[in-house]
Amino acid sequence: MKRNIDDFDGMKDFIISIITVLAWVLIGTIVIIGYFTIETKGEGIILSYISTIFTAISSLGIAATIGVYFWQKKAEDNKQHDINKKLLPYIIKKSESIINIISSIYRHIGEIETNASVYIHNDKLALYCLSENNGNINEVINLKCNEHDDFINNNKIMIDYNIYLFIIEYESCYSRALKEIYEFVNIWNNYDDYVLEYGDVANSKEDLINELKSALVSYEIHITKQRNLLQQKKHLH
């Protein structure tokens, strides 16, 4: 049965109450025993009982502090678990959307030929090519991925540190992938100027395609690996 965080606060108050009652019972017992002891053994022994009283109070105070600490930690751990459980599915979905975008670009870029028309408009990558080998290519890939962004960004500061790092990593990979794609499209559409600038060290269009594919697959592998680790973490809890 799922436990509410308020249950732990109530339990903490209950522990403090029990310890307080025990403290007063102990003090009362010591005072009574001390009174009858003084009657039989003299007033000198009162110092020993005063010392005992303060030692007992100190011990109970330490025990109460330790008890409250562990219950508070338990409550915080349970609260953190609930936050992670709530956010993790959305974070995984967002990472999978990025993986799908990168994978789609990798697949279609590998099919175009040197006469292909490639451009980006309104955050969409368009590929057009009349190909004898692969058939006509007419693909439009949406580069924008803002799925669940508002929800994730508003709550990511509260999640587990390792999950937060994963968000930073997939956002970084996604940003770098987009940068590679934009640079590729820019060079592709200004290829003559590119060759004129770099001369003999300029890459062929085939090499440009292969370089982009290599970069994209590395980002895809990295995000997929981290996502799988998070999914394992999700199933372990």
C-alpha atoms as a PDB file:
ATOM      1  CA  MET A   1       0.000   0.000   0.000  1.00  0.00           C
ATOM      2  CA  LYS A   2       1.316   3.413  -0.969  1.00  0.00           C
ATOM      3  CA  ARG A   3       2.236   5.600   1.985  1.00  0.00           C
ATOM      4  CA  ASN A   4       1.662   9.324   2.016  1.00  0.00           C
ATOM      5  CA  ILE A   5       4.442  11.665   3.129  1.00  0.00           C
ATOM      6  CA  ASP A   6       2.117  12.964   5.840  1.00  0.00           C
ATOM      7  CA  ASP A   7       2.153   9.466   7.351  1.00  0.00           C
ATOM      8  CA  PHE A   8       5.856   9.878   8.063  1.00  0.00           C
ATOM      9  CA  ASP A   9       5.331  13.304   9.622  1.00  0.00           C
ATOM     10  CA  GLY A  10       2.683  11.780  11.885  1.00  0.00           C
ATOM     11  CA  MET A  11       5.002   8.929  12.794  1.00  0.00           C
ATOM     12  CA  LYS A  12       7.765  11.437  13.593  1.00  0.00           C
ATOM     13  CA  ASP A  13       5.430  13.307  15.963  1.00  0.00           C
ATOM     14  CA  PHE A  14       4.381  10.004  17.530  1.00  0.00           C
ATOM     15  CA  ILE A  15       8.004   9.041  18.219  1.00  0.00           C
ATOM     16  CA  ILE A  16       8.741  12.424  19.776  1.00  0.00           C
ATOM     17  CA  SER A  17       5.634  12.108  21.979  1.00  0.00           C
ATOM     18  CA  ILE A  18       6.594   8.626  23.161  1.00  0.00           C
ATOM     19  CA  ILE A  19      10.150   9.704  23.953  1.00  0.00           C
ATOM     20  CA  THR A  20       8.858  12.780  25.807  1.00  0.00           C
ATOM     21  CA  VAL A  21       6.491  10.673  27.932  1.00  0.00           C
ATOM     22  CA  LEU A  22       9.253   8.183  28.686  1.00  0.00           C
ATOM     23  CA  ALA A  23      11.553  11.047  29.669  1.00  0.00           C
ATOM     24  CA  TRP A  24       9.036  12.429  32.153  1.00  0.00           C
ATOM     25  CA  VAL A  25       8.294   8.961  33.539  1.00  0.00           C
ATOM     26  CA  LEU A  26      12.016   8.339  33.962  1.00  0.00           C
ATOM     27  CA  ILE A  27      12.552  11.722  35.620  1.00  0.00           C
ATOM     28  CA  GLY A  28       9.598  11.166  37.929  1.00  0.00           C
ATOM     29  CA  THR A  29      10.870   7.716  38.870  1.00  0.00           C
ATOM     30  CA  ILE A  30      14.349   9.041  39.602  1.00  0.00           C
ATOM     31  CA  VAL A  31      12.959  11.891  41.720  1.00  0.00           C
ATOM     32  CA  ILE A  32      10.808   9.501  43.774  1.00  0.00           C
ATOM     33  CA  ILE A  33      13.637   7.056  44.259  1.00  0.00           C
ATOM     34  CA  GLY A  34      15.949   9.939  45.108  1.00  0.00           C
ATOM     35  CA  TYR A  35      13.508  11.266  47.707  1.00  0.00           C
ATOM     36  CA  PHE A  36      13.253   7.959  49.547  1.00  0.00           C
ATOM     37  CA  THR A  37      16.994   7.414  49.222  1.00  0.00           C
ATOM     38  CA  ILE A  38      17.692  10.807  50.783  1.00  0.00           C
ATOM     39  CA  GLU A  39      15.381   9.888  53.656  1.00  0.00           C
ATOM     40  CA  THR A  40      17.370   6.731  54.311  1.00  0.00           C
ATOM     41  CA  LYS A  41      20.904   7.619  53.237  1.00  0.00           C
ATOM     42  CA  GLY A  42      21.166  11.370  53.640  1.00  0.00           C
ATOM     43  CA  GLU A  43      21.184  14.429  51.407  1.00  0.00           C
ATOM     44  CA  GLY A  44      24.683  13.871  50.056  1.00  0.00           C
ATOM     45  CA  ILE A  45      23.467  11.304  47.561  1.00  0.00           C
ATOM     46  CA  ILE A  46      21.202  13.867  45.833  1.00  0.00           C
ATOM     47  CA  LEU A  47      24.119  15.016  43.635  1.00  0.00           C
ATOM     48  CA  SER A  48      24.446  11.538  42.234  1.00  0.00           C
ATOM     49  CA  TYR A  49      20.771  11.468  41.303  1.00  0.00           C
ATOM     50  CA  ILE A  50      20.894  14.937  39.757  1.00  0.00           C
ATOM     51  CA  SER A  51      23.775  13.756  37.579  1.00  0.00           C
ATOM     52  CA  THR A  52      21.781  10.653  36.636  1.00  0.00           C
ATOM     53  CA  ILE A  53      18.758  12.769  35.699  1.00  0.00           C
ATOM     54  CA  PHE A  54      20.755  15.004  33.352  1.00  0.00           C
ATOM     55  CA  THR A  55      22.510  11.984  31.796  1.00  0.00           C
ATOM     56  CA  ALA A  56      19.151  10.335  31.141  1.00  0.00           C
ATOM     57  CA  ILE A  57      17.686  13.497  29.610  1.00  0.00           C
ATOM     58  CA  SER A  58      20.740  13.932  27.409  1.00  0.00           C
ATOM     59  CA  SER A  59      20.550  10.315  26.236  1.00  0.00           C
ATOM     60  CA  LEU A  60      16.867  10.614  25.441  1.00  0.00           C
ATOM     61  CA  GLY A  61      17.491  13.856  23.544  1.00  0.00           C
ATOM     62  CA  ILE A  62      20.149  12.159  21.416  1.00  0.00           C
ATOM     63  CA  ALA A  63      17.847   9.182  20.798  1.00  0.00           C
ATOM     64  CA  ALA A  64      15.018  11.515  19.764  1.00  0.00           C
ATOM     65  CA  THR A  65      17.293  13.426  17.371  1.00  0.00           C
ATOM     66  CA  ILE A  66      18.534  10.211  15.748  1.00  0.00           C
ATOM     67  CA  GLY A  67      15.001   8.840  15.466  1.00  0.00           C
ATOM     68  CA  VAL A  68      13.632  11.996  13.874  1.00  0.00           C
ATOM     69  CA  TYR A  69      16.594  12.137  11.441  1.00  0.00           C
ATOM     70  CA  PHE A  70      15.998   8.625  10.133  1.00  0.00           C
ATOM     71  CA  TRP A  71      12.257   9.160   9.750  1.00  0.00           C
ATOM     72  CA  GLN A  72      12.812  12.441   7.938  1.00  0.00           C
ATOM     73  CA  LYS A  73      15.339  10.781   5.641  1.00  0.00           C
ATOM     74  CA  LYS A  74      12.875   7.983   4.939  1.00  0.00           C
ATOM     75  CA  ALA A  75      10.180  10.543   4.127  1.00  0.00           C
ATOM     76  CA  GLU A  76      12.523  12.460   1.793  1.00  0.00           C
ATOM     77  CA  ASP A  77      13.601   9.248   0.032  1.00  0.00           C
ATOM     78  CA  ASN A  78       9.980   8.269  -0.542  1.00  0.00           C
ATOM     79  CA  LYS A  79       9.125  11.746  -1.802  1.00  0.00           C
ATOM     80  CA  GLN A  80      12.108  11.658  -4.196  1.00  0.00           C
ATOM     81  CA  HIS A  81      11.037   8.228  -5.427  1.00  0.00           C
ATOM     82  CA  ASP A  82       7.527   9.536  -6.165  1.00  0.00           C
ATOM     83  CA  ILE A  83       8.937  12.500  -8.110  1.00  0.00           C
ATOM     84  CA  ASN A  84      11.247  10.252 -10.150  1.00  0.00           C
ATOM     85  CA  LYS A  85       8.416   7.811 -10.850  1.00  0.00           C
ATOM     86  CA  LYS A  86       6.209  10.653 -12.077  1.00  0.00           C
ATOM     87  CA  LEU A  87       8.775  12.326 -14.357  1.00  0.00           C
ATOM     88  CA  LEU A  88      10.827   9.422 -15.678  1.00  0.00           C
ATOM     89  CA  PRO A  89       8.282   8.153 -18.277  1.00  0.00           C
ATOM     90  CA  TYR A  90       8.091  11.625 -19.861  1.00  0.00           C
ATOM     91  CA  ILE A  91      11.880  11.971 -19.889  1.00  0.00           C
ATOM     92  CA  ILE A  92      12.264   8.580 -21.567  1.00  0.00           C
ATOM     93  CA  LYS A  93       9.598   9.470 -24.152  1.00  0.00           C
ATOM     94  CA  LYS A  94      11.426  12.720 -24.936  1.00  0.00           C
ATOM     95  CA  SER A  95      14.743  10.882 -25.383  1.00  0.00           C
ATOM     96  CA  GLU A  96      13.059   8.321 -27.661  1.00  0.00           C
ATOM     97  CA  SER A  97      11.642  11.126 -29.819  1.00  0.00           C
ATOM     98  CA  ILE A  98      15.159  12.541 -30.226  1.00  0.00           C
ATOM     99  CA  ILE A  99      16.502   9.077 -31.070  1.00  0.00           C
ATOM    100  CA  ASN A 100      13.793   8.655 -33.724  1.00  0.00           C
ATOM    101  CA  ILE A 101      14.645  12.013 -35.318  1.00  0.00           C
ATOM    102  CA  ILE A 102      18.363  11.217 -35.445  1.00  0.00           C
ATOM    103  CA  SER A 103      17.715   7.694 -36.734  1.00  0.00           C
ATOM    104  CA  SER A 104      15.386   8.945 -39.462  1.00  0.00           C
ATOM    105  CA  ILE A 105      17.915  11.530 -40.681  1.00  0.00           C
ATOM    106  CA  TYR A 106      20.688   8.912 -40.618  1.00  0.00           C
ATOM    107  CA  ARG A 107      18.611   6.517 -42.689  1.00  0.00           C
ATOM    108  CA  HIS A 108      17.469   8.995 -45.345  1.00  0.00           C
ATOM    109  CA  ILE A 109      20.752  10.899 -45.613  1.00  0.00           C
ATOM    110  CA  GLY A 110      22.416   7.603 -46.446  1.00  0.00           C
ATOM    111  CA  GLU A 111      20.063   7.140 -49.416  1.00  0.00           C
ATOM    112  CA  ILE A 112      20.531  10.492 -51.158  1.00  0.00           C
ATOM    113  CA  GLU A 113      22.861  11.010 -54.080  1.00  0.00           C
ATOM    114  CA  THR A 114      25.074  13.935 -55.038  1.00  0.00           C
ATOM    115  CA  ASN A 115      22.337  15.566 -57.120  1.00  0.00           C
ATOM    116  CA  ALA A 116      19.864  15.638 -54.225  1.00  0.00           C
ATOM    117  CA  SER A 117      18.193  18.818 -53.105  1.00  0.00           C
ATOM    118  CA  VAL A 118      18.564  19.234 -49.337  1.00  0.00           C
ATOM    119  CA  TYR A 119      17.330  22.176 -47.332  1.00  0.00           C
ATOM    120  CA  ILE A 120      15.808  23.183 -44.002  1.00  0.00           C
ATOM    121  CA  HIS A 121      12.652  25.262 -43.699  1.00  0.00           C
ATOM    122  CA  ASN A 122      10.583  25.923 -40.566  1.00  0.00           C
ATOM    123  CA  ASP A 123      12.573  23.374 -38.565  1.00  0.00           C
ATOM    124  CA  LYS A 124      11.966  20.690 -41.183  1.00  0.00           C
ATOM    125  CA  LEU A 125      14.662  18.890 -43.149  1.00  0.00           C
ATOM    126  CA  ALA A 126      13.564  18.291 -46.745  1.00  0.00           C
ATOM    127  CA  LEU A 127      15.296  15.749 -48.999  1.00  0.00           C
ATOM    128  CA  TYR A 128      14.496  15.531 -52.712  1.00  0.00           C
ATOM    129  CA  CYS A 129      16.295  13.329 -55.156  1.00  0.00           C
ATOM    130  CA  LEU A 130      15.499  11.645 -58.495  1.00  0.00           C
ATOM    131  CA  SER A 131      17.502   8.466 -58.067  1.00  0.00           C
ATOM    132  CA  GLU A 132      17.985   5.597 -60.483  1.00  0.00           C
ATOM    133  CA  ASN A 133      19.445   3.310 -57.800  1.00  0.00           C
ATOM    134  CA  ASN A 134      17.253   3.956 -54.754  1.00  0.00           C
ATOM    135  CA  GLY A 135      14.090   5.267 -56.348  1.00  0.00           C
ATOM    136  CA  ASN A 136      12.778   8.783 -55.961  1.00  0.00           C
ATOM    137  CA  ILE A 137      13.416  10.264 -52.528  1.00  0.00           C
ATOM    138  CA  ASN A 138      10.954  12.786 -51.170  1.00  0.00           C
ATOM    139  CA  GLU A 139      11.243  13.040 -47.401  1.00  0.00           C
ATOM    140  CA  VAL A 140      10.445  15.782 -44.908  1.00  0.00           C
ATOM    141  CA  ILE A 141      11.730  15.243 -41.355  1.00  0.00           C
ATOM    142  CA  ASN A 142      10.621  17.419 -38.476  1.00  0.00           C
ATOM    143  CA  LEU A 143      13.738  18.513 -36.557  1.00  0.00           C
ATOM    144  CA  LYS A 144      11.825  20.164 -33.751  1.00  0.00           C
ATOM    145  CA  CYS A 145      11.358  18.078 -30.621  1.00  0.00           C
ATOM    146  CA  ASN A 146       9.595  19.911 -27.810  1.00  0.00           C
ATOM    147  CA  GLU A 147       7.533  17.005 -26.547  1.00  0.00           C
ATOM    148  CA  HIS A 148       6.771  17.374 -22.812  1.00  0.00           C
ATOM    149  CA  ASP A 149       9.333  20.218 -22.593  1.00  0.00           C
ATOM    150  CA  ASP A 150       7.250  22.473 -20.337  1.00  0.00           C
ATOM    151  CA  PHE A 151       6.431  19.682 -17.897  1.00  0.00           C
ATOM    152  CA  ILE A 152      10.027  18.388 -17.767  1.00  0.00           C
ATOM    153  CA  ASN A 153      11.639  21.812 -17.480  1.00  0.00           C
ATOM    154  CA  ASN A 154       9.278  22.908 -14.712  1.00  0.00           C
ATOM    155  CA  ASN A 155      10.047  19.844 -12.616  1.00  0.00           C
ATOM    156  CA  LYS A 156      13.535  18.648 -13.529  1.00  0.00           C
ATOM    157  CA  ILE A 157      15.182  20.568 -10.685  1.00  0.00           C
ATOM    158  CA  MET A 158      13.411  18.217  -8.241  1.00  0.00           C
ATOM    159  CA  ILE A 159      14.444  14.917  -9.790  1.00  0.00           C
ATOM    160  CA  ASP A 160      17.266  12.558  -8.919  1.00  0.00           C
ATOM    161  CA  TYR A 161      20.741  13.845  -9.867  1.00  0.00           C
ATOM    162  CA  ASN A 162      21.471  10.944 -12.252  1.00  0.00           C
ATOM    163  CA  ILE A 163      18.222  11.521 -14.139  1.00  0.00           C
ATOM    164  CA  TYR A 164      18.970  15.235 -14.315  1.00  0.00           C
ATOM    165  CA  LEU A 165      22.356  14.421 -15.860  1.00  0.00           C
ATOM    166  CA  PHE A 166      20.617  12.286 -18.482  1.00  0.00           C
ATOM    167  CA  ILE A 167      18.425  15.253 -19.463  1.00  0.00           C
ATOM    168  CA  ILE A 168      21.538  17.400 -19.839  1.00  0.00           C
ATOM    169  CA  GLU A 169      23.218  14.693 -21.939  1.00  0.00           C
ATOM    170  CA  TYR A 170      20.375  14.065 -24.372  1.00  0.00           C
ATOM    171  CA  GLU A 171      19.776  17.800 -24.781  1.00  0.00           C
ATOM    172  CA  SER A 172      23.477  18.257 -25.520  1.00  0.00           C
ATOM    173  CA  CYS A 173      23.519  15.390 -28.043  1.00  0.00           C
ATOM    174  CA  TYR A 174      20.370  16.720 -29.704  1.00  0.00           C
ATOM    175  CA  SER A 175      21.839  20.232 -29.934  1.00  0.00           C
ATOM    176  CA  ARG A 176      25.102  18.949 -31.418  1.00  0.00           C
ATOM    177  CA  ALA A 177      23.234  16.748 -33.896  1.00  0.00           C
ATOM    178  CA  LEU A 178      21.213  19.730 -35.096  1.00  0.00           C
ATOM    179  CA  LYS A 179      24.388  21.769 -35.449  1.00  0.00           C
ATOM    180  CA  GLU A 180      25.950  19.008 -37.584  1.00  0.00           C
ATOM    181  CA  ILE A 181      22.819  18.848 -39.766  1.00  0.00           C
ATOM    182  CA  TYR A 182      22.650  22.612 -40.298  1.00  0.00           C
ATOM    183  CA  GLU A 183      26.346  22.732 -41.197  1.00  0.00           C
ATOM    184  CA  PHE A 184      25.889  19.828 -43.605  1.00  0.00           C
ATOM    185  CA  VAL A 185      22.955  21.512 -45.356  1.00  0.00           C
ATOM    186  CA  ASN A 186      24.834  24.798 -45.573  1.00  0.00           C
ATOM    187  CA  ILE A 187      27.886  23.160 -47.168  1.00  0.00           C
ATOM    188  CA  TRP A 188      25.710  20.987 -49.428  1.00  0.00           C
ATOM    189  CA  ASN A 189      23.865  23.976 -50.852  1.00  0.00           C
ATOM    190  CA  ASN A 190      27.056  26.030 -51.213  1.00  0.00           C
ATOM    191  CA  TYR A 191      29.316  23.205 -52.269  1.00  0.00           C
ATOM    192  CA  ASP A 192      31.142  25.130 -55.010  1.00  0.00           C
ATOM    193  CA  ASP A 193      32.063  27.912 -52.573  1.00  0.00           C
ATOM    194  CA  TYR A 194      33.142  25.254 -50.050  1.00  0.00           C
ATOM    195  CA  VAL A 195      35.476  23.609 -52.575  1.00  0.00           C
ATOM    196  CA  LEU A 196      36.833  26.988 -53.645  1.00  0.00           C
ATOM    197  CA  GLU A 197      37.641  27.841 -50.017  1.00  0.00           C
ATOM    198  CA  TYR A 198      39.201  24.527 -48.973  1.00  0.00           C
ATOM    199  CA  GLY A 199      40.624  23.339 -52.290  1.00  0.00           C
ATOM    200  CA  ASP A 200      42.249  19.913 -52.172  1.00  0.00           C
ATOM    201  CA  VAL A 201      41.273  19.282 -48.529  1.00  0.00           C
ATOM    202  CA  ALA A 202      37.575  19.767 -49.258  1.00  0.00           C
ATOM    203  CA  ASN A 203      35.487  16.647 -48.707  1.00  0.00           C
ATOM    204  CA  SER A 204      33.499  15.098 -51.492  1.00  0.00           C
ATOM    205  CA  LYS A 205      29.733  15.030 -51.103  1.00  0.00           C
ATOM    206  CA  GLU A 206      29.973  11.308 -50.341  1.00  0.00           C
ATOM    207  CA  ASP A 207      32.436  12.049 -47.537  1.00  0.00           C
ATOM    208  CA  LEU A 208      30.171  14.783 -46.179  1.00  0.00           C
ATOM    209  CA  ILE A 209      27.317  12.271 -46.015  1.00  0.00           C
ATOM    210  CA  ASN A 210      29.495   9.678 -44.288  1.00  0.00           C
ATOM    211  CA  GLU A 211      30.811  12.202 -41.748  1.00  0.00           C
ATOM    212  CA  LEU A 212      27.285  13.294 -40.876  1.00  0.00           C
ATOM    213  CA  LYS A 213      26.133   9.688 -40.562  1.00  0.00           C
ATOM    214  CA  SER A 214      29.079   8.876 -38.294  1.00  0.00           C
ATOM    215  CA  ALA A 215      28.283  11.825 -36.011  1.00  0.00           C
ATOM    216  CA  LEU A 216      24.569  11.007 -35.903  1.00  0.00           C
ATOM    217  CA  VAL A 217      25.082   7.344 -35.057  1.00  0.00           C
ATOM    218  CA  SER A 218      27.427   8.241 -32.194  1.00  0.00           C
ATOM    219  CA  TYR A 219      24.776  10.547 -30.688  1.00  0.00           C
ATOM    220  CA  GLU A 220      22.079   7.917 -31.160  1.00  0.00           C
ATOM    221  CA  ILE A 221      24.167   5.214 -29.477  1.00  0.00           C
ATOM    222  CA  HIS A 222      25.007   7.456 -26.534  1.00  0.00           C
ATOM    223  CA  ILE A 223      21.406   8.522 -25.879  1.00  0.00           C
ATOM    224  CA  THR A 224      20.130   4.955 -26.320  1.00  0.00           C
ATOM    225  CA  LYS A 225      22.676   3.588 -23.863  1.00  0.00           C
ATOM    226  CA  GLN A 226      21.798   6.141 -21.193  1.00  0.00           C
ATOM    227  CA  ARG A 227      18.080   5.648 -21.782  1.00  0.00           C
ATOM    228  CA  ASN A 228      18.438   1.881 -21.306  1.00  0.00           C
ATOM    229  CA  LEU A 229      20.245   2.454 -18.020  1.00  0.00           C
ATOM    230  CA  LEU A 230      17.403   4.687 -16.845  1.00  0.00           C
ATOM    231  CA  GLN A 231      14.809   2.114 -17.868  1.00  0.00           C
ATOM    232  CA  GLN A 232      16.661  -0.495 -15.814  1.00  0.00           C
ATOM    233  CA  LYS A 233      16.647   1.928 -12.879  1.00  0.00           C
ATOM    234  CA  LYS A 234      12.911   2.390 -13.347  1.00  0.00           C
ATOM    235  CA  HIS A 235      12.230  -1.363 -13.222  1.00  0.00           C
ATOM    236  CA  LEU A 236      14.451  -1.860 -10.189  1.00  0.00           C
ATOM    237  CA  HIS A 237      12.294   0.461  -8.050  1.00  0.00           C
END
